[in-house]
């Protein structure tokens, strides 16, 4: 999608602080971190939101969770971590390209904080 912020980041048109990349996903540090460790993981395939996951594109989501587990282990996130996905504007989704926030390094409260 030509006007998608995250598609532009994947293409290298907008700079980011890369954490990880493979042929299916890209991870980068959040520009407004809410925890000592806070990065996003996005699929290289444009999927607008969790509401758009299908049998055909769900392979990207399962792969992303495998990558999250790998990165959490590599980064020593042994005390736990939070994975957040906002689906739709009323849930706080501001970029309409599915993405998963991965945060750790502090205690979290529920549902926010």
PDB file of N, CA and C in Angstrom:
ATOM      1  N   UNK A   1       0.857  -1.175   0.000  1.00  0.00           N
ATOM      2  CA  UNK A   1       0.000   0.000   0.000  1.00  0.00           C
ATOM      3  C   UNK A   1       0.903   1.237   0.000  1.00  0.00           C
ATOM      4  N   UNK A   2       0.773   2.082  -0.984  1.00  0.00           N
ATOM      5  CA  UNK A   2       1.730   3.158  -1.220  1.00  0.00           C
ATOM      6  C   UNK A   2       1.741   4.237  -0.146  1.00  0.00           C
ATOM      7  N   UNK A   3       0.636   4.490   0.534  1.00  0.00           N
ATOM      8  CA  UNK A   3       0.609   5.556   1.536  1.00  0.00           C
ATOM      9  C   UNK A   3       0.702   5.043   2.965  1.00  0.00           C
ATOM     10  N   UNK A   4       0.974   3.765   3.147  1.00  0.00           N
ATOM     11  CA  UNK A   4       1.048   3.170   4.479  1.00  0.00           C
ATOM     12  C   UNK A   4       2.411   3.454   5.121  1.00  0.00           C
ATOM     13  N   UNK A   5       2.382   4.043   6.301  1.00  0.00           N
ATOM     14  CA  UNK A   5       3.608   4.376   7.026  1.00  0.00           C
ATOM     15  C   UNK A   5       4.496   3.155   7.217  1.00  0.00           C
ATOM     16  N   UNK A   6       3.921   2.033   7.661  1.00  0.00           N
ATOM     17  CA  UNK A   6       4.733   0.854   7.935  1.00  0.00           C
ATOM     18  C   UNK A   6       5.242   0.203   6.651  1.00  0.00           C
ATOM     19  N   UNK A   7       4.472   0.259   5.570  1.00  0.00           N
ATOM     20  CA  UNK A   7       4.968  -0.240   4.288  1.00  0.00           C
ATOM     21  C   UNK A   7       6.183   0.579   3.846  1.00  0.00           C
ATOM     22  N   UNK A   8       6.138   1.882   4.090  1.00  0.00           N
ATOM     23  CA  UNK A   8       7.270   2.748   3.740  1.00  0.00           C
ATOM     24  C   UNK A   8       8.485   2.435   4.609  1.00  0.00           C
ATOM     25  N   UNK A   9       8.274   2.109   5.875  1.00  0.00           N
ATOM     26  CA  UNK A   9       9.383   1.720   6.754  1.00  0.00           C
ATOM     27  C   UNK A   9      10.008   0.424   6.240  1.00  0.00           C
ATOM     28  N   UNK A  10       9.185  -0.553   5.886  1.00  0.00           N
ATOM     29  CA  UNK A  10       9.688  -1.823   5.360  1.00  0.00           C
ATOM     30  C   UNK A  10      10.529  -1.599   4.105  1.00  0.00           C
ATOM     31  N   UNK A  11      10.084  -0.693   3.229  1.00  0.00           N
ATOM     32  CA  UNK A  11      10.798  -0.409   1.978  1.00  0.00           C
ATOM     33  C   UNK A  11      12.054   0.434   2.204  1.00  0.00           C
ATOM     34  N   UNK A  12      12.257   0.956   3.419  1.00  0.00           N
ATOM     35  CA  UNK A  12      13.408   1.798   3.700  1.00  0.00           C
ATOM     36  C   UNK A  12      13.207   3.244   3.309  1.00  0.00           C
ATOM     37  N   UNK A  13      11.979   3.617   2.961  1.00  0.00           N
ATOM     38  CA  UNK A  13      11.688   4.999   2.585  1.00  0.00           C
ATOM     39  C   UNK A  13      11.605   5.914   3.795  1.00  0.00           C
ATOM     40  N   UNK A  14      11.324   5.348   4.953  1.00  0.00           N
ATOM     41  CA  UNK A  14      11.290   6.085   6.220  1.00  0.00           C
ATOM     42  C   UNK A  14      12.238   5.364   7.162  1.00  0.00           C
ATOM     43  N   UNK A  15      13.152   6.092   7.802  1.00  0.00           N
ATOM     44  CA  UNK A  15      14.119   5.429   8.678  1.00  0.00           C
ATOM     45  C   UNK A  15      13.464   4.841   9.930  1.00  0.00           C
ATOM     46  N   UNK A  16      14.077   3.787  10.429  1.00  0.00           N
ATOM     47  CA  UNK A  16      13.643   3.161  11.673  1.00  0.00           C
ATOM     48  C   UNK A  16      14.859   2.536  12.341  1.00  0.00           C
ATOM     49  N   UNK A  17      14.693   2.202  13.588  1.00  0.00           N
ATOM     50  CA  UNK A  17      15.757   1.551  14.351  1.00  0.00           C
ATOM     51  C   UNK A  17      15.469   0.053  14.354  1.00  0.00           C
ATOM     52  N   UNK A  18      16.053  -0.644  13.376  1.00  0.00           N
ATOM     53  CA  UNK A  18      15.752  -2.059  13.159  1.00  0.00           C
ATOM     54  C   UNK A  18      16.221  -2.919  14.321  1.00  0.00           C
ATOM     55  N   UNK A  19      15.336  -3.825  14.725  1.00  0.00           N
ATOM     56  CA  UNK A  19      15.634  -4.824  15.746  1.00  0.00           C
ATOM     57  C   UNK A  19      15.853  -6.184  15.084  1.00  0.00           C
ATOM     58  N   UNK A  20      15.062  -6.468  14.038  1.00  0.00           N
ATOM     59  CA  UNK A  20      15.091  -7.784  13.392  1.00  0.00           C
ATOM     60  C   UNK A  20      14.420  -7.669  12.020  1.00  0.00           C
ATOM     61  N   UNK A  21      14.876  -8.517  11.092  1.00  0.00           N
ATOM     62  CA  UNK A  21      14.221  -8.578   9.790  1.00  0.00           C
ATOM     63  C   UNK A  21      14.443  -9.950   9.183  1.00  0.00           C
ATOM     64  N   UNK A  22      13.396 -10.475   8.561  1.00  0.00           N
ATOM     65  CA  UNK A  22      13.511 -11.666   7.734  1.00  0.00           C
ATOM     66  C   UNK A  22      12.588 -11.480   6.535  1.00  0.00           C
ATOM     67  N   UNK A  23      12.349 -12.541   5.780  1.00  0.00           N
ATOM     68  CA  UNK A  23      11.553 -12.389   4.563  1.00  0.00           C
ATOM     69  C   UNK A  23      10.072 -12.163   4.825  1.00  0.00           C
ATOM     70  N   UNK A  24       9.595 -12.389   6.071  1.00  0.00           N
ATOM     71  CA  UNK A  24       8.166 -12.258   6.367  1.00  0.00           C
ATOM     72  C   UNK A  24       7.809 -11.101   7.293  1.00  0.00           C
ATOM     73  N   UNK A  25       8.781 -10.639   8.082  1.00  0.00           N
ATOM     74  CA  UNK A  25       8.445  -9.580   9.043  1.00  0.00           C
ATOM     75  C   UNK A  25       9.622  -8.661   9.306  1.00  0.00           C
ATOM     76  N   UNK A  26       9.300  -7.566   9.956  1.00  0.00           N
ATOM     77  CA  UNK A  26      10.275  -6.538  10.290  1.00  0.00           C
ATOM     78  C   UNK A  26       9.961  -6.056  11.703  1.00  0.00           C
ATOM     79  N   UNK A  27      10.984  -5.901  12.528  1.00  0.00           N
ATOM     80  CA  UNK A  27      10.816  -5.400  13.891  1.00  0.00           C
ATOM     81  C   UNK A  27      11.689  -4.168  14.072  1.00  0.00           C
ATOM     82  N   UNK A  28      11.145  -3.177  14.772  1.00  0.00           N
ATOM     83  CA  UNK A  28      11.890  -1.941  14.996  1.00  0.00           C
ATOM     84  C   UNK A  28      11.455  -1.311  16.311  1.00  0.00           C
ATOM     85  N   UNK A  29      12.346  -0.507  16.879  1.00  0.00           N
ATOM     86  CA  UNK A  29      12.060   0.155  18.151  1.00  0.00           C
ATOM     87  C   UNK A  29      10.957   1.190  17.982  1.00  0.00           C
ATOM     88  N   UNK A  30      10.075   1.259  18.978  1.00  0.00           N
ATOM     89  CA  UNK A  30       8.988   2.232  18.971  1.00  0.00           C
ATOM     90  C   UNK A  30       9.574   3.634  19.151  1.00  0.00           C
ATOM     91  N   UNK A  31       9.042   4.611  18.419  1.00  0.00           N
ATOM     92  CA  UNK A  31       9.557   5.986  18.524  1.00  0.00           C
ATOM     93  C   UNK A  31       9.076   6.682  19.795  1.00  0.00           C
ATOM     94  N   UNK A  32       8.068   6.121  20.452  1.00  0.00           N
ATOM     95  CA  UNK A  32       7.562   6.673  21.701  1.00  0.00           C
ATOM     96  C   UNK A  32       7.418   5.534  22.717  1.00  0.00           C
ATOM     97  N   UNK A  33       8.546   5.016  23.210  1.00  0.00           N
ATOM     98  CA  UNK A  33       8.507   3.814  24.050  1.00  0.00           C
ATOM     99  C   UNK A  33       7.719   4.000  25.344  1.00  0.00           C
ATOM    100  N   UNK A  34       6.946   2.975  25.671  1.00  0.00           N
ATOM    101  CA  UNK A  34       6.139   2.966  26.886  1.00  0.00           C
ATOM    102  C   UNK A  34       6.732   2.039  27.944  1.00  0.00           C
ATOM    103  N   UNK A  35       7.901   1.503  27.667  1.00  0.00           N
ATOM    104  CA  UNK A  35       8.612   0.615  28.590  1.00  0.00           C
ATOM    105  C   UNK A  35      10.088   0.667  28.220  1.00  0.00           C
ATOM    106  N   UNK A  36      10.977   0.233  29.124  1.00  0.00           N
ATOM    107  CA  UNK A  36      12.404   0.241  28.794  1.00  0.00           C
ATOM    108  C   UNK A  36      12.731  -0.507  27.490  1.00  0.00           C
ATOM    109  N   UNK A  37      12.060  -1.607  27.247  1.00  0.00           N
ATOM    110  CA  UNK A  37      12.153  -2.293  25.959  1.00  0.00           C
ATOM    111  C   UNK A  37      10.783  -2.188  25.313  1.00  0.00           C
ATOM    112  N   UNK A  38      10.729  -1.625  24.112  1.00  0.00           N
ATOM    113  CA  UNK A  38       9.458  -1.473  23.396  1.00  0.00           C
ATOM    114  C   UNK A  38       9.749  -1.439  21.904  1.00  0.00           C
ATOM    115  N   UNK A  39       9.397  -2.521  21.247  1.00  0.00           N
ATOM    116  CA  UNK A  39       9.560  -2.578  19.802  1.00  0.00           C
ATOM    117  C   UNK A  39       8.283  -3.094  19.161  1.00  0.00           C
ATOM    118  N   UNK A  40       8.165  -2.861  17.860  1.00  0.00           N
ATOM    119  CA  UNK A  40       7.013  -3.316  17.086  1.00  0.00           C
ATOM    120  C   UNK A  40       7.462  -4.401  16.127  1.00  0.00           C
ATOM    121  N   UNK A  41       6.568  -5.339  15.871  1.00  0.00           N
ATOM    122  CA  UNK A  41       6.817  -6.362  14.853  1.00  0.00           C
ATOM    123  C   UNK A  41       5.666  -6.291  13.866  1.00  0.00           C
ATOM    124  N   UNK A  42       6.011  -6.176  12.585  1.00  0.00           N
ATOM    125  CA  UNK A  42       5.007  -6.013  11.536  1.00  0.00           C
ATOM    126  C   UNK A  42       5.261  -7.023  10.416  1.00  0.00           C
ATOM    127  N   UNK A  43       4.196  -7.469   9.765  1.00  0.00           N
ATOM    128  CA  UNK A  43       4.400  -8.344   8.606  1.00  0.00           C
ATOM    129  C   UNK A  43       4.817  -7.527   7.393  1.00  0.00           C
ATOM    130  N   UNK A  44       5.584  -8.131   6.521  1.00  0.00           N
ATOM    131  CA  UNK A  44       5.953  -7.456   5.280  1.00  0.00           C
ATOM    132  C   UNK A  44       4.789  -7.429   4.292  1.00  0.00           C
ATOM    133  N   UNK A  45       3.835  -8.296   4.494  1.00  0.00           N
ATOM    134  CA  UNK A  45       2.588  -8.280   3.719  1.00  0.00           C
ATOM    135  C   UNK A  45       1.653  -7.276   4.380  1.00  0.00           C
ATOM    136  N   UNK A  46       1.047  -6.389   3.603  1.00  0.00           N
ATOM    137  CA  UNK A  46       0.128  -5.415   4.191  1.00  0.00           C
ATOM    138  C   UNK A  46      -1.171  -6.110   4.597  1.00  0.00           C
ATOM    139  N   UNK A  47      -1.432  -6.099   5.893  1.00  0.00           N
ATOM    140  CA  UNK A  47      -2.690  -6.569   6.466  1.00  0.00           C
ATOM    141  C   UNK A  47      -3.168  -5.393   7.310  1.00  0.00           C
ATOM    142  N   UNK A  48      -4.350  -4.884   7.052  1.00  0.00           N
ATOM    143  CA  UNK A  48      -4.798  -3.643   7.692  1.00  0.00           C
ATOM    144  C   UNK A  48      -4.943  -3.755   9.210  1.00  0.00           C
ATOM    145  N   UNK A  49      -5.501  -4.865   9.689  1.00  0.00           N
ATOM    146  CA  UNK A  49      -5.711  -5.017  11.132  1.00  0.00           C
ATOM    147  C   UNK A  49      -5.978  -6.474  11.442  1.00  0.00           C
ATOM    148  N   UNK A  50      -6.112  -6.783  12.722  1.00  0.00           N
ATOM    149  CA  UNK A  50      -6.426  -8.150  13.131  1.00  0.00           C
ATOM    150  C   UNK A  50      -7.762  -8.600  12.557  1.00  0.00           C
ATOM    151  N   UNK A  51      -8.650  -7.666  12.267  1.00  0.00           N
ATOM    152  CA  UNK A  51      -9.945  -7.997  11.670  1.00  0.00           C
ATOM    153  C   UNK A  51      -9.804  -8.503  10.233  1.00  0.00           C
ATOM    154  N   UNK A  52      -8.632  -8.324   9.646  1.00  0.00           N
ATOM    155  CA  UNK A  52      -8.390  -8.737   8.263  1.00  0.00           C
ATOM    156  C   UNK A  52      -7.588 -10.034   8.162  1.00  0.00           C
ATOM    157  N   UNK A  53      -7.353 -10.713   9.276  1.00  0.00           N
ATOM    158  CA  UNK A  53      -6.608 -11.972   9.240  1.00  0.00           C
ATOM    159  C   UNK A  53      -7.482 -13.046   8.605  1.00  0.00           C
ATOM    160  N   UNK A  54      -6.889 -13.774   7.665  1.00  0.00           N
ATOM    161  CA  UNK A  54      -7.592 -14.840   6.956  1.00  0.00           C
ATOM    162  C   UNK A  54      -6.744 -16.114   6.996  1.00  0.00           C
ATOM    163  N   UNK A  55      -7.318 -17.197   6.504  1.00  0.00           N
ATOM    164  CA  UNK A  55      -6.565 -18.451   6.403  1.00  0.00           C
ATOM    165  C   UNK A  55      -5.349 -18.270   5.491  1.00  0.00           C
ATOM    166  N   UNK A  56      -5.462 -17.393   4.498  1.00  0.00           N
ATOM    167  CA  UNK A  56      -4.361 -17.173   3.558  1.00  0.00           C
ATOM    168  C   UNK A  56      -3.224 -16.342   4.142  1.00  0.00           C
ATOM    169  N   UNK A  57      -3.522 -15.380   5.014  1.00  0.00           N
ATOM    170  CA  UNK A  57      -2.447 -14.512   5.525  1.00  0.00           C
ATOM    171  C   UNK A  57      -2.071 -14.782   6.981  1.00  0.00           C
ATOM    172  N   UNK A  58      -2.747 -15.712   7.630  1.00  0.00           N
ATOM    173  CA  UNK A  58      -2.458 -15.966   9.050  1.00  0.00           C
ATOM    174  C   UNK A  58      -1.058 -16.522   9.279  1.00  0.00           C
ATOM    175  N   UNK A  59      -0.428 -17.041   8.238  1.00  0.00           N
ATOM    176  CA  UNK A  59       0.944 -17.524   8.367  1.00  0.00           C
ATOM    177  C   UNK A  59       1.874 -16.393   8.819  1.00  0.00           C
ATOM    178  N   UNK A  60       1.585 -15.164   8.415  1.00  0.00           N
ATOM    179  CA  UNK A  60       2.405 -14.019   8.837  1.00  0.00           C
ATOM    180  C   UNK A  60       2.273 -13.789  10.341  1.00  0.00           C
ATOM    181  N   UNK A  61       1.062 -13.908  10.847  1.00  0.00           N
ATOM    182  CA  UNK A  61       0.819 -13.667  12.274  1.00  0.00           C
ATOM    183  C   UNK A  61       1.481 -14.755  13.116  1.00  0.00           C
ATOM    184  N   UNK A  62       1.337 -16.007  12.714  1.00  0.00           N
ATOM    185  CA  UNK A  62       1.974 -17.075  13.489  1.00  0.00           C
ATOM    186  C   UNK A  62       3.490 -16.926  13.443  1.00  0.00           C
ATOM    187  N   UNK A  63       4.024 -16.543  12.301  1.00  0.00           N
ATOM    188  CA  UNK A  63       5.469 -16.334  12.201  1.00  0.00           C
ATOM    189  C   UNK A  63       5.916 -15.188  13.114  1.00  0.00           C
ATOM    190  N   UNK A  64       5.138 -14.131  13.152  1.00  0.00           N
ATOM    191  CA  UNK A  64       5.478 -12.995  14.012  1.00  0.00           C
ATOM    192  C   UNK A  64       5.568 -13.435  15.475  1.00  0.00           C
ATOM    193  N   UNK A  65       4.646 -14.267  15.920  1.00  0.00           N
ATOM    194  CA  UNK A  65       4.711 -14.719  17.308  1.00  0.00           C
ATOM    195  C   UNK A  65       5.914 -15.627  17.560  1.00  0.00           C
ATOM    196  N   UNK A  66       6.342 -16.391  16.569  1.00  0.00           N
ATOM    197  CA  UNK A  66       7.576 -17.161  16.699  1.00  0.00           C
ATOM    198  C   UNK A  66       8.767 -16.212  16.842  1.00  0.00           C
ATOM    199  N   UNK A  67       8.778 -15.147  16.050  1.00  0.00           N
ATOM    200  CA  UNK A  67       9.859 -14.154  16.106  1.00  0.00           C
ATOM    201  C   UNK A  67       9.836 -13.433  17.455  1.00  0.00           C
ATOM    202  N   UNK A  68       8.659 -13.087  17.949  1.00  0.00           N
ATOM    203  CA  UNK A  68       8.562 -12.429  19.256  1.00  0.00           C
ATOM    204  C   UNK A  68       9.176 -13.309  20.332  1.00  0.00           C
ATOM    205  N   UNK A  69       8.865 -14.596  20.329  1.00  0.00           N
ATOM    206  CA  UNK A  69       9.439 -15.511  21.325  1.00  0.00           C
ATOM    207  C   UNK A  69      10.960 -15.568  21.203  1.00  0.00           C
ATOM    208  N   UNK A  70      11.461 -15.610  19.977  1.00  0.00           N
ATOM    209  CA  UNK A  70      12.906 -15.644  19.732  1.00  0.00           C
ATOM    210  C   UNK A  70      13.579 -14.363  20.242  1.00  0.00           C
ATOM    211  N   UNK A  71      13.002 -13.208  19.891  1.00  0.00           N
ATOM    212  CA  UNK A  71      13.586 -11.931  20.313  1.00  0.00           C
ATOM    213  C   UNK A  71      13.521 -11.764  21.833  1.00  0.00           C
ATOM    214  N   UNK A  72      12.419 -12.188  22.437  1.00  0.00           N
ATOM    215  CA  UNK A  72      12.291 -12.094  23.895  1.00  0.00           C
ATOM    216  C   UNK A  72      13.386 -12.913  24.571  1.00  0.00           C
ATOM    217  N   UNK A  73      13.651 -14.101  24.068  1.00  0.00           N
ATOM    218  CA  UNK A  73      14.719 -14.937  24.641  1.00  0.00           C
ATOM    219  C   UNK A  73      16.082 -14.282  24.431  1.00  0.00           C
ATOM    220  N   UNK A  74      16.334 -13.788  23.218  1.00  0.00           N
ATOM    221  CA  UNK A  74      17.617 -13.146  22.917  1.00  0.00           C
ATOM    222  C   UNK A  74      17.849 -11.903  23.762  1.00  0.00           C
ATOM    223  N   UNK A  75      16.790 -11.165  24.060  1.00  0.00           N
ATOM    224  CA  UNK A  75      16.906  -9.925  24.820  1.00  0.00           C
ATOM    225  C   UNK A  75      16.824 -10.156  26.329  1.00  0.00           C
ATOM    226  N   UNK A  76      16.704 -11.415  26.743  1.00  0.00           N
ATOM    227  CA  UNK A  76      16.678 -11.733  28.161  1.00  0.00           C
ATOM    228  C   UNK A  76      15.422 -11.246  28.871  1.00  0.00           C
ATOM    229  N   UNK A  77      14.314 -11.276  28.208  1.00  0.00           N
ATOM    230  CA  UNK A  77      13.062 -10.789  28.788  1.00  0.00           C
ATOM    231  C   UNK A  77      12.452 -11.888  29.677  1.00  0.00           C
ATOM    232  N   UNK A  78      13.232 -12.327  30.664  1.00  0.00           N
ATOM    233  CA  UNK A  78      12.866 -13.483  31.489  1.00  0.00           C
ATOM    234  C   UNK A  78      11.811 -13.170  32.541  1.00  0.00           C
ATOM    235  N   UNK A  79      11.639 -11.912  32.879  1.00  0.00           N
ATOM    236  CA  UNK A  79      10.614 -11.535  33.863  1.00  0.00           C
ATOM    237  C   UNK A  79       9.239 -11.380  33.223  1.00  0.00           C
ATOM    238  N   UNK A  80       9.153 -11.596  31.941  1.00  0.00           N
ATOM    239  CA  UNK A  80       7.891 -11.474  31.226  1.00  0.00           C
ATOM    240  C   UNK A  80       7.889 -10.297  30.281  1.00  0.00           C
ATOM    241  N   UNK A  81       6.899 -10.311  29.421  1.00  0.00           N
ATOM    242  CA  UNK A  81       6.749  -9.232  28.454  1.00  0.00           C
ATOM    243  C   UNK A  81       5.290  -9.151  28.050  1.00  0.00           C
ATOM    244  N   UNK A  82       4.920  -8.026  27.481  1.00  0.00           N
ATOM    245  CA  UNK A  82       3.551  -7.797  27.024  1.00  0.00           C
ATOM    246  C   UNK A  82       3.560  -7.654  25.506  1.00  0.00           C
ATOM    247  N   UNK A  83       2.576  -8.282  24.864  1.00  0.00           N
ATOM    248  CA  UNK A  83       2.362  -8.137  23.429  1.00  0.00           C
ATOM    249  C   UNK A  83       0.988  -7.501  23.255  1.00  0.00           C
ATOM    250  N   UNK A  84       0.945  -6.364  22.542  1.00  0.00           N
ATOM    251  CA  UNK A  84      -0.304  -5.620  22.378  1.00  0.00           C
ATOM    252  C   UNK A  84      -0.587  -5.420  20.897  1.00  0.00           C
ATOM    253  N   UNK A  85      -1.846  -5.647  20.536  1.00  0.00           N
ATOM    254  CA  UNK A  85      -2.334  -5.330  19.195  1.00  0.00           C
ATOM    255  C   UNK A  85      -3.628  -4.549  19.347  1.00  0.00           C
ATOM    256  N   UNK A  86      -3.668  -3.365  18.781  1.00  0.00           N
ATOM    257  CA  UNK A  86      -4.883  -2.560  18.765  1.00  0.00           C
ATOM    258  C   UNK A  86      -5.566  -2.760  17.425  1.00  0.00           C
ATOM    259  N   UNK A  87      -6.857  -3.079  17.451  1.00  0.00           N
ATOM    260  CA  UNK A  87      -7.599  -3.367  16.220  1.00  0.00           C
ATOM    261  C   UNK A  87      -8.730  -2.357  16.077  1.00  0.00           C
ATOM    262  N   UNK A  88      -8.545  -1.412  15.165  1.00  0.00           N
ATOM    263  CA  UNK A  88      -9.548  -0.380  14.928  1.00  0.00           C
ATOM    264  C   UNK A  88      -9.254   0.890  15.705  1.00  0.00           C
ATOM    265  N   UNK A  89      -9.763   1.986  15.194  1.00  0.00           N
ATOM    266  CA  UNK A  89      -9.482   3.298  15.786  1.00  0.00           C
ATOM    267  C   UNK A  89      -9.966   3.413  17.223  1.00  0.00           C
ATOM    268  N   UNK A  90     -11.146   2.878  17.527  1.00  0.00           N
ATOM    269  CA  UNK A  90     -11.650   2.999  18.899  1.00  0.00           C
ATOM    270  C   UNK A  90     -10.815   2.191  19.889  1.00  0.00           C
ATOM    271  N   UNK A  91     -10.030   1.250  19.393  1.00  0.00           N
ATOM    272  CA  UNK A  91      -9.128   0.465  20.250  1.00  0.00           C
ATOM    273  C   UNK A  91      -7.730   1.076  20.306  1.00  0.00           C
ATOM    274  N   UNK A  92      -7.526   2.174  19.586  1.00  0.00           N
ATOM    275  CA  UNK A  92      -6.243   2.866  19.623  1.00  0.00           C
ATOM    276  C   UNK A  92      -5.333   2.597  18.449  1.00  0.00           C
ATOM    277  N   UNK A  93      -5.809   1.908  17.416  1.00  0.00           N
ATOM    278  CA  UNK A  93      -4.967   1.667  16.240  1.00  0.00           C
ATOM    279  C   UNK A  93      -4.833   2.962  15.453  1.00  0.00           C
ATOM    280  N   UNK A  94      -3.598   3.430  15.293  1.00  0.00           N
ATOM    281  CA  UNK A  94      -3.357   4.671  14.559  1.00  0.00           C
ATOM    282  C   UNK A  94      -2.718   4.430  13.200  1.00  0.00           C
ATOM    283  N   UNK A  95      -2.045   3.301  13.029  1.00  0.00           N
ATOM    284  CA  UNK A  95      -1.479   2.939  11.733  1.00  0.00           C
ATOM    285  C   UNK A  95      -2.220   1.678  11.275  1.00  0.00           C
ATOM    286  N   UNK A  96      -2.820   1.753  10.112  1.00  0.00           N
ATOM    287  CA  UNK A  96      -3.655   0.653   9.628  1.00  0.00           C
ATOM    288  C   UNK A  96      -2.843  -0.367   8.827  1.00  0.00           C
ATOM    289  N   UNK A  97      -1.891  -0.927   9.539  1.00  0.00           N
ATOM    290  CA  UNK A  97      -1.054  -2.049   9.091  1.00  0.00           C
ATOM    291  C   UNK A  97      -0.863  -2.840  10.372  1.00  0.00           C
ATOM    292  N   UNK A  98      -1.336  -4.079  10.418  1.00  0.00           N
ATOM    293  CA  UNK A  98      -1.293  -4.836  11.663  1.00  0.00           C
ATOM    294  C   UNK A  98       0.112  -4.799  12.251  1.00  0.00           C
ATOM    295  N   UNK A  99       0.180  -4.587  13.544  1.00  0.00           N
ATOM    296  CA  UNK A  99       1.467  -4.539  14.227  1.00  0.00           C
ATOM    297  C   UNK A  99       1.288  -4.962  15.672  1.00  0.00           C
ATOM    298  N   UNK A 100       2.358  -5.469  16.220  1.00  0.00           N
ATOM    299  CA  UNK A 100       2.355  -5.973  17.583  1.00  0.00           C
ATOM    300  C   UNK A 100       3.424  -5.242  18.381  1.00  0.00           C
ATOM    301  N   UNK A 101       2.997  -4.575  19.444  1.00  0.00           N
ATOM    302  CA  UNK A 101       3.916  -3.911  20.360  1.00  0.00           C
ATOM    303  C   UNK A 101       4.435  -4.966  21.328  1.00  0.00           C
ATOM    304  N   UNK A 102       5.736  -5.021  21.513  1.00  0.00           N
ATOM    305  CA  UNK A 102       6.347  -5.930  22.473  1.00  0.00           C
ATOM    306  C   UNK A 102       7.064  -5.059  23.495  1.00  0.00           C
ATOM    307  N   UNK A 103       6.652  -5.200  24.767  1.00  0.00           N
ATOM    308  CA  UNK A 103       7.180  -4.336  25.820  1.00  0.00           C
ATOM    309  C   UNK A 103       7.625  -5.160  27.024  1.00  0.00           C
ATOM    310  N   UNK A 104       8.704  -4.706  27.655  1.00  0.00           N
ATOM    311  CA  UNK A 104       9.178  -5.340  28.888  1.00  0.00           C
ATOM    312  C   UNK A 104      10.077  -4.371  29.642  1.00  0.00           C
ATOM    313  N   UNK A 105      10.484  -4.812  30.811  1.00  0.00           N
ATOM    314  CA  UNK A 105      11.397  -4.014  31.609  1.00  0.00           C
ATOM    315  C   UNK A 105      10.748  -3.210  32.698  1.00  0.00           C
ATOM    316  N   UNK A 106       9.452  -3.361  32.866  1.00  0.00           N
ATOM    317  CA  UNK A 106       8.743  -2.720  33.970  1.00  0.00           C
ATOM    318  C   UNK A 106       7.487  -3.525  34.261  1.00  0.00           C
ATOM    319  N   UNK A 107       6.883  -3.252  35.414  1.00  0.00           N
ATOM    320  CA  UNK A 107       5.616  -3.903  35.765  1.00  0.00           C
ATOM    321  C   UNK A 107       4.494  -3.212  35.004  1.00  0.00           C
ATOM    322  N   UNK A 108       3.516  -3.982  34.575  1.00  0.00           N
ATOM    323  CA  UNK A 108       2.353  -3.459  33.859  1.00  0.00           C
ATOM    324  C   UNK A 108       1.112  -3.652  34.691  1.00  0.00           C
ATOM    325  N   UNK A 109       0.129  -2.788  34.459  1.00  0.00           N
ATOM    326  CA  UNK A 109      -1.175  -2.935  35.094  1.00  0.00           C
ATOM    327  C   UNK A 109      -2.174  -3.316  34.025  1.00  0.00           C
ATOM    328  N   UNK A 110      -3.375  -3.625  34.429  1.00  0.00           N
ATOM    329  CA  UNK A 110      -4.411  -4.030  33.478  1.00  0.00           C
ATOM    330  C   UNK A 110      -5.590  -3.096  33.582  1.00  0.00           C
ATOM    331  N   UNK A 111      -6.177  -2.637  32.486  1.00  0.00           N
ATOM    332  CA  UNK A 111      -5.860  -2.948  31.112  1.00  0.00           C
ATOM    333  C   UNK A 111      -4.824  -2.038  30.496  1.00  0.00           C
ATOM    334  N   UNK A 112      -4.537  -0.928  31.125  1.00  0.00           N
ATOM    335  CA  UNK A 112      -3.535  -0.017  30.539  1.00  0.00           C
ATOM    336  C   UNK A 112      -2.445   0.258  31.545  1.00  0.00           C
ATOM    337  N   UNK A 113      -1.372   0.795  31.032  1.00  0.00           N
ATOM    338  CA  UNK A 113      -0.300   1.209  31.936  1.00  0.00           C
ATOM    339  C   UNK A 113       0.991   0.509  31.734  1.00  0.00           C
TER     340      UNK A 113
END
